[in-house]
Structures are given as structure tokens and as C-alpha cells.
């Protein structure tokens, strides 16, 4: 928490002053649908971009300094976005669901234990059939600078029951650092009905 809060007192490497190109391409391709939750939204560029296209968007971040900057941008641009400081491991407390969740650099900042809590938390806010789009550093990015690298196997292991991997493809994570973009994975992961939800649907729609 202290690292991210202090980082937002300046301009952190991941804050490029515009949306990540990968999320722009998702919207242009029609993969982003309905209401959107941006987890770890930072200063809001991805959330604000989607709001400018007419999506209903919520953005949350653990760092209050990031949310304050995102709110200022929303006011300056005249955009309607719900932006709140929130713990991404407690998404169920938002008490609402979304059709799409986007994640630009959050997952790769979590510990192994936090990943499990996050995926459980994510289940509570993503509608069945909805998609979670996650952009994270891949193990193909050389060196040890920046966040931990994530393998395809780790992504698949984190999302088991109640999830379906649509794709994991090579991507780029853009930064304001001189070395340019980092090698990344862009994952599309759909939430499917768990056993309890299937039973509820069956009761509501008897044959």
C-alpha cells in the first residue's frame, strides 16, 4: 500500500497518460461489453477511455492518491465514472455485478495467496458469461526490473472451477520508461456458472 500511495505522488512507470493500447483494441473489436469494472484503475486512463465510448464504468484502486487523480481527470473531461478507493480482495462488498472486468497490471502485483483471494472476490462481481481481461507481465520479459513475471501455467492454475480460459495471447504492456513496452500476456477469462448457480437456474426453469 505505502509503495503505491507514494508512487502516485509522482508519475509511476505504468501511468502513460492514455489508455493501454491492448484495452483500446478490445473495445474496438467489440469484446468489451455492458457495464465495466476496472480493478486497480490507477489514475483512470483505461476507465475514462471506456466511459468516453458510452460504457457504464466503475474504477477502483487501493491507493487513495490514484483515485483522487482519476476523479480530477473525470471532472476535467466531463465524464461520468464511479471512482472509489477499495480493496480488490473485497470486491463482494461492492454489492453489485458487472458484465466486464479489466485489469491492467494488478494481477502481477499480487502474492500467491492474494491471487486466490482475488479470484474468489472476482467471482462475486462478474456476471456469469462475463469476461475478465487481464494484462500482466510475462516470463518472456527479460531482466528482473518491475513486477514479477507471470506464466501461462500460473494464469490457468489461478482460474479453475467457475472459469473458462478463452485465450491467453502475447501482448505489450506500455510504460513511460525509456526501454519501451514490456512483453506481456493478455488473457480473456469467462466466468461460468458454479454448481450452486446451476441448481438455482434449474429451479427457476424446470423442464
N, C-alpha and C. Protein backbone atom coordinates (compact mmCIF):
# COMPACT_ATOMS: atom_id res chain seq x y z
N UNK A 1 0.83 -1.19 0.00
CA UNK A 1 0.00 0.00 0.00
C UNK A 1 0.87 1.25 0.00
N UNK A 2 1.85 1.33 0.92
CA UNK A 2 2.69 2.51 1.03
C UNK A 2 3.47 2.76 -0.25
N UNK A 3 3.92 1.69 -0.93
CA UNK A 3 4.66 1.85 -2.18
C UNK A 3 3.79 2.52 -3.24
N UNK A 4 2.58 1.98 -3.42
CA UNK A 4 1.71 2.51 -4.47
C UNK A 4 1.24 3.92 -4.14
N UNK A 5 0.92 4.17 -2.87
CA UNK A 5 0.48 5.50 -2.49
C UNK A 5 1.58 6.53 -2.75
N UNK A 6 2.82 6.19 -2.40
CA UNK A 6 3.93 7.12 -2.65
C UNK A 6 4.21 7.25 -4.13
N UNK A 7 4.04 6.15 -4.89
CA UNK A 7 4.29 6.21 -6.33
C UNK A 7 3.37 7.22 -7.01
N UNK A 8 2.13 7.30 -6.54
CA UNK A 8 1.17 8.20 -7.16
C UNK A 8 1.35 9.65 -6.72
N UNK A 9 2.27 9.91 -5.82
CA UNK A 9 2.64 11.29 -5.53
C UNK A 9 3.44 11.89 -6.68
N UNK A 10 3.99 11.00 -7.51
CA UNK A 10 4.66 11.41 -8.74
C UNK A 10 3.95 10.78 -9.92
N UNK A 11 4.72 10.37 -10.92
CA UNK A 11 4.16 9.67 -12.09
C UNK A 11 4.80 8.29 -12.14
N UNK A 12 4.08 7.23 -11.75
CA UNK A 12 4.65 5.89 -11.77
C UNK A 12 4.88 5.40 -13.20
N UNK A 13 5.75 4.42 -13.38
CA UNK A 13 6.11 3.96 -14.73
C UNK A 13 4.93 3.49 -15.57
N UNK A 14 3.90 2.96 -14.92
CA UNK A 14 2.77 2.41 -15.66
C UNK A 14 1.74 3.47 -16.04
N UNK A 15 1.91 4.70 -15.58
CA UNK A 15 0.96 5.76 -15.85
C UNK A 15 1.40 6.50 -17.11
N UNK A 16 0.85 6.10 -18.26
CA UNK A 16 1.34 6.60 -19.55
C UNK A 16 0.53 7.77 -20.09
N UNK A 17 -0.46 8.24 -19.33
CA UNK A 17 -1.23 9.40 -19.75
C UNK A 17 -2.26 9.13 -20.82
N UNK A 18 -2.53 7.87 -21.08
CA UNK A 18 -3.53 7.44 -22.06
C UNK A 18 -3.84 5.98 -21.77
N UNK A 19 -4.91 5.44 -22.35
CA UNK A 19 -5.21 4.03 -22.10
C UNK A 19 -4.17 3.10 -22.72
N UNK A 20 -4.03 1.94 -22.14
CA UNK A 20 -3.19 0.92 -22.74
C UNK A 20 -3.79 0.50 -24.09
N UNK A 21 -2.96 0.38 -25.10
CA UNK A 21 -3.44 0.06 -26.45
C UNK A 21 -4.21 -1.25 -26.49
N UNK A 22 -3.81 -2.22 -25.66
CA UNK A 22 -4.50 -3.51 -25.66
C UNK A 22 -5.97 -3.35 -25.29
N UNK A 23 -6.29 -2.46 -24.36
CA UNK A 23 -7.69 -2.28 -23.95
C UNK A 23 -8.46 -1.47 -24.98
N UNK A 24 -7.76 -0.60 -25.69
CA UNK A 24 -8.41 0.11 -26.79
C UNK A 24 -8.80 -0.88 -27.89
N UNK A 25 -7.91 -1.82 -28.19
CA UNK A 25 -8.20 -2.80 -29.22
C UNK A 25 -9.36 -3.71 -28.83
N UNK A 26 -9.43 -4.05 -27.53
CA UNK A 26 -10.55 -4.88 -27.08
C UNK A 26 -11.89 -4.18 -27.30
N UNK A 27 -11.93 -2.89 -26.98
CA UNK A 27 -13.16 -2.13 -27.17
C UNK A 27 -13.50 -2.01 -28.66
N UNK A 28 -12.49 -1.73 -29.47
CA UNK A 28 -12.71 -1.59 -30.92
C UNK A 28 -13.19 -2.90 -31.54
N UNK A 29 -12.76 -4.02 -30.98
CA UNK A 29 -13.15 -5.33 -31.50
C UNK A 29 -14.51 -5.79 -30.96
N UNK A 30 -15.09 -5.01 -30.06
CA UNK A 30 -16.39 -5.38 -29.51
C UNK A 30 -16.33 -6.42 -28.41
N UNK A 31 -15.13 -6.67 -27.86
CA UNK A 31 -15.03 -7.67 -26.79
C UNK A 31 -15.43 -7.11 -25.44
N UNK A 32 -15.31 -5.80 -25.26
CA UNK A 32 -15.72 -5.16 -24.01
C UNK A 32 -17.22 -4.93 -24.09
N UNK A 33 -17.96 -5.46 -23.12
CA UNK A 33 -19.42 -5.41 -23.21
C UNK A 33 -20.04 -4.92 -21.90
N UNK A 34 -21.17 -4.23 -22.03
CA UNK A 34 -22.00 -3.87 -20.89
C UNK A 34 -21.32 -2.98 -19.87
N UNK A 35 -21.63 -3.22 -18.61
CA UNK A 35 -21.02 -2.46 -17.52
C UNK A 35 -19.62 -2.98 -17.25
N UNK A 36 -18.72 -2.07 -16.86
CA UNK A 36 -17.30 -2.43 -16.74
C UNK A 36 -16.76 -2.03 -15.37
N UNK A 37 -16.00 -2.93 -14.77
CA UNK A 37 -15.25 -2.64 -13.55
C UNK A 37 -13.77 -2.70 -13.89
N UNK A 38 -13.05 -1.62 -13.58
CA UNK A 38 -11.60 -1.56 -13.78
C UNK A 38 -10.95 -1.75 -12.41
N UNK A 39 -10.32 -2.91 -12.20
CA UNK A 39 -9.69 -3.20 -10.90
C UNK A 39 -8.24 -2.74 -10.94
N UNK A 40 -7.84 -1.97 -9.92
CA UNK A 40 -6.52 -1.37 -9.94
C UNK A 40 -6.43 -0.32 -11.02
N UNK A 41 -7.40 0.61 -11.02
CA UNK A 41 -7.55 1.54 -12.15
C UNK A 41 -6.49 2.62 -12.19
N UNK A 42 -5.71 2.80 -11.12
CA UNK A 42 -4.71 3.86 -11.11
C UNK A 42 -5.34 5.22 -11.29
N UNK A 43 -4.75 6.04 -12.15
CA UNK A 43 -5.29 7.39 -12.36
C UNK A 43 -6.39 7.41 -13.42
N UNK A 44 -6.86 6.23 -13.82
CA UNK A 44 -8.12 6.14 -14.54
C UNK A 44 -8.12 6.17 -16.05
N UNK A 45 -6.97 6.11 -16.71
CA UNK A 45 -6.98 6.29 -18.16
C UNK A 45 -7.82 5.23 -18.89
N UNK A 46 -7.71 3.97 -18.49
CA UNK A 46 -8.50 2.93 -19.16
C UNK A 46 -9.99 3.11 -18.88
N UNK A 47 -10.32 3.39 -17.62
CA UNK A 47 -11.72 3.59 -17.24
C UNK A 47 -12.32 4.80 -17.95
N UNK A 48 -11.57 5.88 -18.01
CA UNK A 48 -12.08 7.10 -18.64
C UNK A 48 -12.24 6.91 -20.15
N UNK A 49 -11.34 6.17 -20.75
CA UNK A 49 -11.47 5.88 -22.18
C UNK A 49 -12.78 5.15 -22.46
N UNK A 50 -13.06 4.11 -21.67
CA UNK A 50 -14.29 3.35 -21.89
C UNK A 50 -15.53 4.20 -21.60
N UNK A 51 -15.45 5.05 -20.58
CA UNK A 51 -16.58 5.94 -20.30
C UNK A 51 -16.82 6.89 -21.47
N UNK A 52 -15.76 7.33 -22.12
CA UNK A 52 -15.91 8.23 -23.28
C UNK A 52 -16.60 7.54 -24.44
N UNK A 53 -16.59 6.21 -24.45
CA UNK A 53 -17.27 5.45 -25.51
C UNK A 53 -18.71 5.13 -25.13
N UNK A 54 -19.12 5.53 -23.93
CA UNK A 54 -20.50 5.32 -23.52
C UNK A 54 -20.73 4.17 -22.57
N UNK A 55 -19.68 3.48 -22.14
CA UNK A 55 -19.84 2.40 -21.18
C UNK A 55 -20.13 2.95 -19.79
N UNK A 56 -20.90 2.20 -19.01
CA UNK A 56 -21.01 2.48 -17.58
C UNK A 56 -19.77 1.88 -16.93
N UNK A 57 -18.98 2.69 -16.24
CA UNK A 57 -17.68 2.24 -15.74
C UNK A 57 -17.51 2.59 -14.27
N UNK A 58 -17.02 1.62 -13.53
CA UNK A 58 -16.52 1.83 -12.17
C UNK A 58 -15.02 1.56 -12.19
N UNK A 59 -14.27 2.36 -11.46
CA UNK A 59 -12.84 2.12 -11.29
C UNK A 59 -12.50 2.11 -9.81
N UNK A 60 -11.73 1.11 -9.41
CA UNK A 60 -11.32 1.04 -8.00
C UNK A 60 -9.81 0.87 -7.92
N UNK A 61 -9.24 1.42 -6.86
CA UNK A 61 -7.81 1.28 -6.61
C UNK A 61 -7.56 1.35 -5.11
N UNK A 62 -6.55 0.63 -4.66
CA UNK A 62 -6.20 0.60 -3.25
C UNK A 62 -5.57 1.90 -2.78
N UNK A 63 -5.03 2.70 -3.73
CA UNK A 63 -4.30 3.92 -3.39
C UNK A 63 -5.23 5.14 -3.52
N UNK A 64 -5.58 5.79 -2.41
CA UNK A 64 -6.43 6.98 -2.49
C UNK A 64 -5.86 8.08 -3.38
N UNK A 65 -4.53 8.22 -3.41
CA UNK A 65 -3.91 9.25 -4.26
C UNK A 65 -4.23 9.02 -5.73
N UNK A 66 -4.26 7.76 -6.15
CA UNK A 66 -4.59 7.43 -7.54
C UNK A 66 -6.04 7.80 -7.85
N UNK A 67 -6.94 7.48 -6.93
CA UNK A 67 -8.35 7.78 -7.14
C UNK A 67 -8.60 9.28 -7.21
N UNK A 68 -7.91 10.04 -6.38
CA UNK A 68 -8.07 11.50 -6.43
C UNK A 68 -7.65 12.04 -7.79
N UNK A 69 -6.55 11.53 -8.33
CA UNK A 69 -6.11 11.97 -9.66
C UNK A 69 -7.11 11.54 -10.73
N UNK A 70 -7.65 10.33 -10.60
CA UNK A 70 -8.64 9.85 -11.58
C UNK A 70 -9.90 10.71 -11.54
N UNK A 71 -10.35 11.07 -10.35
CA UNK A 71 -11.54 11.91 -10.23
C UNK A 71 -11.31 13.29 -10.86
N UNK A 72 -10.11 13.83 -10.65
CA UNK A 72 -9.79 15.13 -11.24
C UNK A 72 -9.84 15.05 -12.77
N UNK A 73 -9.30 13.98 -13.34
CA UNK A 73 -9.35 13.81 -14.79
C UNK A 73 -10.79 13.69 -15.28
N UNK A 74 -11.62 12.94 -14.54
CA UNK A 74 -13.01 12.78 -14.94
C UNK A 74 -13.74 14.12 -14.95
N UNK A 75 -13.48 14.94 -13.94
CA UNK A 75 -14.10 16.27 -13.90
C UNK A 75 -13.64 17.13 -15.07
N UNK A 76 -12.34 17.10 -15.34
CA UNK A 76 -11.79 17.91 -16.43
C UNK A 76 -12.36 17.50 -17.78
N UNK A 77 -12.60 16.20 -17.95
CA UNK A 77 -13.07 15.69 -19.24
C UNK A 77 -14.58 15.59 -19.32
N UNK A 78 -15.27 15.90 -18.22
CA UNK A 78 -16.73 15.86 -18.21
C UNK A 78 -17.28 14.46 -18.38
N UNK A 79 -16.62 13.47 -17.77
CA UNK A 79 -17.02 12.08 -17.92
C UNK A 79 -17.64 11.54 -16.63
N UNK A 80 -18.66 10.70 -16.79
CA UNK A 80 -19.32 10.06 -15.65
C UNK A 80 -18.67 8.71 -15.38
N UNK A 81 -17.93 8.62 -14.31
CA UNK A 81 -17.28 7.37 -13.89
C UNK A 81 -17.36 7.28 -12.37
N UNK A 82 -17.69 6.11 -11.85
CA UNK A 82 -17.67 5.90 -10.41
C UNK A 82 -16.26 5.47 -10.03
N UNK A 83 -15.58 6.27 -9.22
CA UNK A 83 -14.18 6.01 -8.86
C UNK A 83 -14.06 5.99 -7.34
N UNK A 84 -13.62 4.86 -6.79
CA UNK A 84 -13.55 4.74 -5.34
C UNK A 84 -12.29 4.00 -4.91
N UNK A 85 -11.77 4.40 -3.75
CA UNK A 85 -10.65 3.67 -3.14
C UNK A 85 -11.22 2.41 -2.51
N UNK A 86 -10.69 1.25 -2.92
CA UNK A 86 -11.28 -0.02 -2.49
C UNK A 86 -10.23 -1.11 -2.53
N UNK A 87 -10.43 -2.11 -1.68
CA UNK A 87 -9.56 -3.28 -1.64
C UNK A 87 -10.04 -4.29 -2.67
N UNK A 88 -9.20 -4.63 -3.63
CA UNK A 88 -9.61 -5.56 -4.69
C UNK A 88 -9.82 -6.98 -4.17
N UNK A 89 -9.41 -7.25 -2.94
CA UNK A 89 -9.64 -8.57 -2.35
C UNK A 89 -11.00 -8.63 -1.66
N UNK A 90 -11.74 -7.53 -1.71
CA UNK A 90 -13.05 -7.48 -1.07
C UNK A 90 -14.10 -6.94 -2.04
N UNK A 91 -14.06 -7.43 -3.27
CA UNK A 91 -14.98 -6.94 -4.29
C UNK A 91 -16.43 -7.25 -3.97
N UNK A 92 -16.67 -8.33 -3.24
CA UNK A 92 -18.04 -8.70 -2.91
C UNK A 92 -18.74 -7.60 -2.12
N UNK A 93 -17.97 -6.78 -1.42
CA UNK A 93 -18.56 -5.69 -0.63
C UNK A 93 -19.06 -4.54 -1.50
N UNK A 94 -18.75 -4.56 -2.79
CA UNK A 94 -19.31 -3.56 -3.69
C UNK A 94 -20.81 -3.77 -3.87
N UNK A 95 -21.25 -5.01 -3.67
CA UNK A 95 -22.67 -5.38 -3.72
C UNK A 95 -23.33 -5.05 -5.07
N UNK A 96 -22.59 -5.29 -6.13
CA UNK A 96 -23.15 -5.20 -7.47
C UNK A 96 -22.28 -6.01 -8.42
N UNK A 97 -22.81 -6.27 -9.60
CA UNK A 97 -22.08 -7.08 -10.57
C UNK A 97 -21.86 -6.30 -11.86
N UNK A 98 -20.93 -6.82 -12.68
CA UNK A 98 -20.55 -6.18 -13.93
C UNK A 98 -20.48 -7.22 -15.04
N UNK A 99 -20.60 -6.74 -16.28
CA UNK A 99 -20.51 -7.64 -17.43
C UNK A 99 -19.07 -7.86 -17.87
N UNK A 100 -18.20 -6.91 -17.57
CA UNK A 100 -16.79 -6.98 -17.96
C UNK A 100 -15.93 -6.46 -16.81
N UNK A 101 -14.81 -7.12 -16.57
CA UNK A 101 -13.81 -6.61 -15.62
C UNK A 101 -12.49 -6.50 -16.37
N UNK A 102 -11.82 -5.36 -16.23
CA UNK A 102 -10.50 -5.20 -16.85
C UNK A 102 -9.44 -5.02 -15.76
N UNK A 103 -8.24 -5.49 -16.06
CA UNK A 103 -7.13 -5.48 -15.10
C UNK A 103 -5.86 -5.15 -15.86
N UNK A 104 -5.35 -3.96 -15.63
CA UNK A 104 -4.11 -3.53 -16.26
C UNK A 104 -3.01 -3.48 -15.22
N UNK A 105 -2.31 -4.60 -15.04
CA UNK A 105 -1.17 -4.63 -14.14
C UNK A 105 -1.48 -4.87 -12.68
N UNK A 106 -2.68 -5.33 -12.37
CA UNK A 106 -2.99 -5.65 -10.97
C UNK A 106 -2.54 -7.07 -10.62
N UNK A 107 -2.94 -8.05 -11.42
CA UNK A 107 -2.71 -9.45 -11.09
C UNK A 107 -1.23 -9.73 -10.82
N UNK A 108 -0.35 -9.14 -11.63
CA UNK A 108 1.08 -9.45 -11.45
C UNK A 108 1.67 -8.79 -10.21
N UNK A 109 0.91 -7.94 -9.53
CA UNK A 109 1.39 -7.33 -8.30
C UNK A 109 0.96 -8.10 -7.05
N UNK A 110 0.14 -9.14 -7.23
CA UNK A 110 -0.39 -9.90 -6.10
C UNK A 110 0.53 -11.05 -5.71
N UNK A 111 0.55 -11.36 -4.43
CA UNK A 111 1.26 -12.56 -3.97
C UNK A 111 0.45 -13.80 -4.34
N UNK A 112 1.03 -14.97 -4.18
CA UNK A 112 0.31 -16.19 -4.50
C UNK A 112 -0.98 -16.30 -3.67
N UNK A 113 -0.89 -15.99 -2.38
CA UNK A 113 -2.07 -16.06 -1.53
C UNK A 113 -3.11 -15.03 -1.93
N UNK A 114 -2.68 -13.85 -2.30
CA UNK A 114 -3.62 -12.81 -2.71
C UNK A 114 -4.30 -13.16 -4.02
N UNK A 115 -3.61 -13.88 -4.89
CA UNK A 115 -4.25 -14.30 -6.15
C UNK A 115 -5.48 -15.14 -5.88
N UNK A 116 -5.38 -16.08 -4.95
CA UNK A 116 -6.53 -16.93 -4.62
C UNK A 116 -7.69 -16.11 -4.08
N UNK A 117 -7.38 -15.17 -3.20
CA UNK A 117 -8.42 -14.31 -2.64
C UNK A 117 -9.03 -13.43 -3.73
N UNK A 118 -8.20 -12.94 -4.62
CA UNK A 118 -8.69 -12.06 -5.68
C UNK A 118 -9.64 -12.80 -6.61
N UNK A 119 -9.28 -14.00 -7.03
CA UNK A 119 -10.13 -14.75 -7.94
C UNK A 119 -11.48 -15.07 -7.27
N UNK A 120 -11.44 -15.43 -5.99
CA UNK A 120 -12.69 -15.66 -5.26
C UNK A 120 -13.51 -14.38 -5.21
N UNK A 121 -12.86 -13.26 -4.95
CA UNK A 121 -13.52 -11.96 -4.88
C UNK A 121 -14.11 -11.59 -6.24
N UNK A 122 -13.37 -11.88 -7.30
CA UNK A 122 -13.80 -11.56 -8.66
C UNK A 122 -15.09 -12.30 -9.03
N UNK A 123 -15.21 -13.51 -8.53
CA UNK A 123 -16.40 -14.31 -8.82
C UNK A 123 -17.67 -13.61 -8.37
N UNK A 124 -17.57 -12.83 -7.30
CA UNK A 124 -18.74 -12.18 -6.73
C UNK A 124 -19.23 -10.99 -7.54
N UNK A 125 -18.37 -10.42 -8.40
CA UNK A 125 -18.76 -9.19 -9.10
C UNK A 125 -18.90 -9.35 -10.61
N UNK A 126 -18.48 -10.47 -11.15
CA UNK A 126 -18.58 -10.67 -12.60
C UNK A 126 -19.77 -11.56 -12.92
N UNK A 127 -20.65 -11.07 -13.77
CA UNK A 127 -21.83 -11.83 -14.16
C UNK A 127 -21.43 -13.13 -14.86
N UNK A 128 -22.18 -14.21 -14.64
CA UNK A 128 -21.91 -15.43 -15.42
C UNK A 128 -21.97 -15.13 -16.91
N UNK A 129 -20.98 -15.59 -17.63
CA UNK A 129 -20.87 -15.28 -19.05
C UNK A 129 -20.05 -14.04 -19.32
N UNK A 130 -19.78 -13.26 -18.27
CA UNK A 130 -18.97 -12.05 -18.42
C UNK A 130 -17.50 -12.39 -18.56
N UNK A 131 -16.72 -11.42 -19.01
CA UNK A 131 -15.30 -11.66 -19.27
C UNK A 131 -14.41 -10.79 -18.40
N UNK A 132 -13.32 -11.38 -17.95
CA UNK A 132 -12.25 -10.70 -17.22
C UNK A 132 -11.05 -10.61 -18.16
N UNK A 133 -10.62 -9.40 -18.47
CA UNK A 133 -9.48 -9.18 -19.35
C UNK A 133 -8.30 -8.71 -18.50
N UNK A 134 -7.23 -9.48 -18.52
CA UNK A 134 -6.09 -9.22 -17.65
C UNK A 134 -4.81 -9.05 -18.46
N UNK A 135 -4.14 -7.91 -18.24
CA UNK A 135 -2.87 -7.62 -18.88
C UNK A 135 -1.78 -7.66 -17.82
N UNK A 136 -0.81 -8.57 -17.99
CA UNK A 136 0.25 -8.72 -16.98
C UNK A 136 1.58 -9.01 -17.66
N UNK A 137 2.66 -8.70 -16.93
CA UNK A 137 4.00 -9.04 -17.42
C UNK A 137 4.11 -10.55 -17.63
N UNK A 138 4.77 -10.93 -18.72
CA UNK A 138 5.00 -12.35 -18.97
C UNK A 138 6.45 -12.72 -18.62
N UNK A 139 6.68 -14.02 -18.50
CA UNK A 139 8.02 -14.50 -18.17
C UNK A 139 9.01 -14.27 -19.31
N UNK A 140 8.51 -13.84 -20.47
CA UNK A 140 9.40 -13.58 -21.61
C UNK A 140 10.02 -12.19 -21.55
N UNK A 141 9.59 -11.35 -20.61
CA UNK A 141 10.24 -10.06 -20.43
C UNK A 141 11.54 -10.28 -19.67
N UNK A 142 12.68 -9.95 -20.29
CA UNK A 142 13.97 -10.22 -19.65
C UNK A 142 14.23 -9.31 -18.45
N UNK A 143 15.21 -9.71 -17.66
CA UNK A 143 15.61 -8.90 -16.52
C UNK A 143 14.73 -9.14 -15.31
N UNK A 144 15.02 -8.39 -14.25
CA UNK A 144 14.26 -8.56 -13.00
C UNK A 144 13.63 -7.26 -12.54
N UNK A 145 13.69 -6.22 -13.37
CA UNK A 145 13.11 -4.94 -13.00
C UNK A 145 11.58 -5.05 -12.98
N UNK A 146 10.95 -4.18 -12.24
CA UNK A 146 9.50 -4.11 -12.27
C UNK A 146 8.82 -5.26 -11.56
N UNK A 147 7.57 -5.54 -11.92
CA UNK A 147 6.79 -6.56 -11.21
C UNK A 147 7.23 -7.98 -11.54
N UNK A 148 6.75 -8.91 -10.75
CA UNK A 148 7.06 -10.32 -11.00
C UNK A 148 6.43 -10.74 -12.32
N UNK A 149 7.08 -11.69 -12.96
CA UNK A 149 6.57 -12.21 -14.22
C UNK A 149 5.55 -13.31 -13.96
N UNK A 150 4.63 -13.48 -14.90
CA UNK A 150 3.56 -14.46 -14.76
C UNK A 150 3.60 -15.38 -15.96
N UNK A 151 3.49 -16.68 -15.72
CA UNK A 151 3.46 -17.65 -16.81
C UNK A 151 2.02 -18.01 -17.17
N UNK A 152 1.84 -18.55 -18.37
CA UNK A 152 0.52 -19.03 -18.77
C UNK A 152 0.03 -20.10 -17.80
N UNK A 153 0.93 -20.95 -17.37
CA UNK A 153 0.53 -22.02 -16.44
C UNK A 153 0.00 -21.45 -15.13
N UNK A 154 0.62 -20.37 -14.65
CA UNK A 154 0.15 -19.75 -13.42
C UNK A 154 -1.24 -19.14 -13.60
N UNK A 155 -1.48 -18.54 -14.75
CA UNK A 155 -2.79 -17.97 -15.01
C UNK A 155 -3.84 -19.08 -15.02
N UNK A 156 -3.55 -20.17 -15.72
CA UNK A 156 -4.51 -21.27 -15.81
C UNK A 156 -4.74 -21.91 -14.44
N UNK A 157 -3.70 -21.99 -13.64
CA UNK A 157 -3.84 -22.59 -12.31
C UNK A 157 -4.69 -21.72 -11.39
N UNK A 158 -4.62 -20.40 -11.56
CA UNK A 158 -5.37 -19.49 -10.69
C UNK A 158 -6.87 -19.52 -10.98
N UNK A 159 -7.22 -19.84 -12.22
CA UNK A 159 -8.63 -19.82 -12.62
C UNK A 159 -9.08 -21.24 -12.92
N UNK A 160 -9.69 -21.87 -11.95
CA UNK A 160 -10.12 -23.25 -12.09
C UNK A 160 -11.61 -23.34 -12.31
N UNK A 161 -12.31 -23.97 -11.36
CA UNK A 161 -13.75 -24.09 -11.45
C UNK A 161 -14.39 -22.71 -11.51
N UNK A 162 -15.48 -22.62 -12.20
CA UNK A 162 -16.25 -21.39 -12.39
C UNK A 162 -15.64 -20.45 -13.43
N UNK A 163 -14.56 -20.91 -14.10
CA UNK A 163 -13.92 -20.07 -15.09
C UNK A 163 -13.58 -20.86 -16.36
N UNK A 164 -13.55 -20.15 -17.48
CA UNK A 164 -13.12 -20.74 -18.75
C UNK A 164 -12.12 -19.79 -19.40
N UNK A 165 -10.96 -20.31 -19.75
CA UNK A 165 -9.95 -19.51 -20.43
C UNK A 165 -10.32 -19.41 -21.91
N UNK A 166 -10.67 -18.22 -22.37
CA UNK A 166 -10.96 -18.04 -23.79
C UNK A 166 -9.67 -17.98 -24.60
N UNK A 167 -8.72 -17.20 -24.11
CA UNK A 167 -7.41 -17.15 -24.76
C UNK A 167 -6.41 -16.48 -23.83
N UNK A 168 -5.15 -16.80 -24.05
CA UNK A 168 -4.02 -16.08 -23.45
C UNK A 168 -3.07 -15.81 -24.61
N UNK A 169 -2.92 -14.55 -24.94
CA UNK A 169 -2.08 -14.25 -26.11
C UNK A 169 -0.99 -13.24 -25.76
N UNK A 170 0.06 -13.25 -26.57
CA UNK A 170 1.16 -12.32 -26.37
C UNK A 170 0.68 -10.88 -26.58
N UNK A 171 1.19 -10.00 -25.75
CA UNK A 171 0.77 -8.60 -25.80
C UNK A 171 1.93 -7.72 -25.34
N UNK A 172 1.68 -6.42 -25.27
CA UNK A 172 2.68 -5.48 -24.78
C UNK A 172 2.07 -4.64 -23.67
N UNK A 173 2.86 -4.44 -22.60
CA UNK A 173 2.46 -3.57 -21.51
C UNK A 173 3.27 -2.29 -21.65
N UNK A 174 2.57 -1.19 -21.95
CA UNK A 174 3.26 0.06 -22.22
C UNK A 174 3.61 0.79 -20.92
N UNK A 175 4.74 1.51 -20.95
CA UNK A 175 5.17 2.28 -19.79
C UNK A 175 5.78 3.58 -20.27
N UNK A 176 6.11 4.46 -19.32
CA UNK A 176 6.79 5.70 -19.68
C UNK A 176 8.30 5.60 -19.50
N UNK A 177 8.81 4.37 -19.38
CA UNK A 177 10.24 4.16 -19.21
C UNK A 177 10.95 4.17 -20.57
N UNK A 178 12.23 4.52 -20.61
CA UNK A 178 12.94 4.63 -21.89
C UNK A 178 13.06 3.31 -22.64
N UNK A 179 13.02 2.18 -21.92
CA UNK A 179 13.17 0.89 -22.63
C UNK A 179 11.93 0.48 -23.40
N UNK A 180 10.85 1.25 -23.25
CA UNK A 180 9.66 0.96 -24.03
C UNK A 180 8.78 -0.11 -23.42
N UNK A 181 7.86 -0.66 -24.21
CA UNK A 181 6.89 -1.62 -23.67
C UNK A 181 7.53 -2.94 -23.25
N UNK A 182 6.87 -3.59 -22.30
CA UNK A 182 7.33 -4.89 -21.80
C UNK A 182 6.49 -6.00 -22.41
N UNK A 183 7.07 -7.17 -22.51
CA UNK A 183 6.33 -8.33 -23.00
C UNK A 183 5.31 -8.75 -21.95
N UNK A 184 4.14 -9.07 -22.43
CA UNK A 184 3.03 -9.33 -21.51
C UNK A 184 2.12 -10.42 -22.06
N UNK A 185 1.19 -10.85 -21.22
CA UNK A 185 0.08 -11.71 -21.63
C UNK A 185 -1.21 -10.91 -21.52
N UNK A 186 -2.07 -11.05 -22.51
CA UNK A 186 -3.43 -10.55 -22.40
C UNK A 186 -4.34 -11.77 -22.35
N UNK A 187 -5.07 -11.89 -21.27
CA UNK A 187 -5.95 -13.05 -21.07
C UNK A 187 -7.40 -12.63 -21.12
N UNK A 188 -8.21 -13.44 -21.76
CA UNK A 188 -9.66 -13.32 -21.73
C UNK A 188 -10.19 -14.54 -21.01
N UNK A 189 -10.81 -14.31 -19.85
CA UNK A 189 -11.24 -15.40 -18.99
C UNK A 189 -12.72 -15.18 -18.65
N UNK A 190 -13.56 -16.13 -18.99
CA UNK A 190 -15.00 -16.00 -18.80
C UNK A 190 -15.44 -16.69 -17.51
N UNK A 191 -16.40 -16.07 -16.84
CA UNK A 191 -16.98 -16.72 -15.66
C UNK A 191 -18.15 -17.59 -16.09
N UNK A 192 -18.15 -18.81 -15.61
CA UNK A 192 -19.24 -19.74 -15.91
C UNK A 192 -20.00 -20.04 -14.62
N UNK A 193 -21.17 -20.60 -14.75
CA UNK A 193 -21.99 -20.90 -13.58
C UNK A 193 -21.34 -21.96 -12.71
N UNK A 194 -21.32 -21.71 -11.38
CA UNK A 194 -20.86 -22.76 -10.49
C UNK A 194 -22.03 -23.68 -10.18
N UNK A 195 -21.80 -24.75 -9.41
CA UNK A 195 -22.83 -25.76 -9.18
C UNK A 195 -24.06 -25.19 -8.48
N UNK A 196 -23.84 -24.31 -7.50
CA UNK A 196 -24.98 -23.71 -6.79
C UNK A 196 -25.82 -22.85 -7.73
N UNK A 197 -25.14 -22.08 -8.59
CA UNK A 197 -25.86 -21.23 -9.53
C UNK A 197 -26.62 -22.08 -10.54
N UNK A 198 -26.04 -23.20 -10.97
CA UNK A 198 -26.72 -24.08 -11.91
C UNK A 198 -27.98 -24.67 -11.30
N UNK A 199 -27.91 -25.01 -10.01
CA UNK A 199 -29.09 -25.53 -9.34
C UNK A 199 -30.17 -24.46 -9.23
N UNK A 200 -29.76 -23.22 -8.96
CA UNK A 200 -30.73 -22.12 -8.87
C UNK A 200 -31.42 -21.90 -10.21
N UNK A 201 -30.64 -21.92 -11.30
CA UNK A 201 -31.21 -21.77 -12.63
C UNK A 201 -32.18 -22.91 -12.94
N UNK A 202 -31.79 -24.12 -12.54
CA UNK A 202 -32.64 -25.28 -12.80
C UNK A 202 -33.98 -25.17 -12.07
N UNK A 203 -33.93 -24.66 -10.83
CA UNK A 203 -35.17 -24.49 -10.06
C UNK A 203 -36.07 -23.44 -10.67
N UNK A 204 -35.46 -22.40 -11.23
CA UNK A 204 -36.24 -21.33 -11.83
C UNK A 204 -36.81 -21.72 -13.20
N UNK A 205 -36.14 -22.68 -13.84
CA UNK A 205 -36.56 -23.07 -15.19
C UNK A 205 -36.73 -24.59 -15.26
N UNK A 206 -37.72 -25.12 -14.55
CA UNK A 206 -37.92 -26.57 -14.58
C UNK A 206 -38.40 -27.02 -15.96
N UNK A 207 -38.02 -28.22 -16.32
CA UNK A 207 -38.45 -28.75 -17.61
C UNK A 207 -39.92 -29.19 -17.54
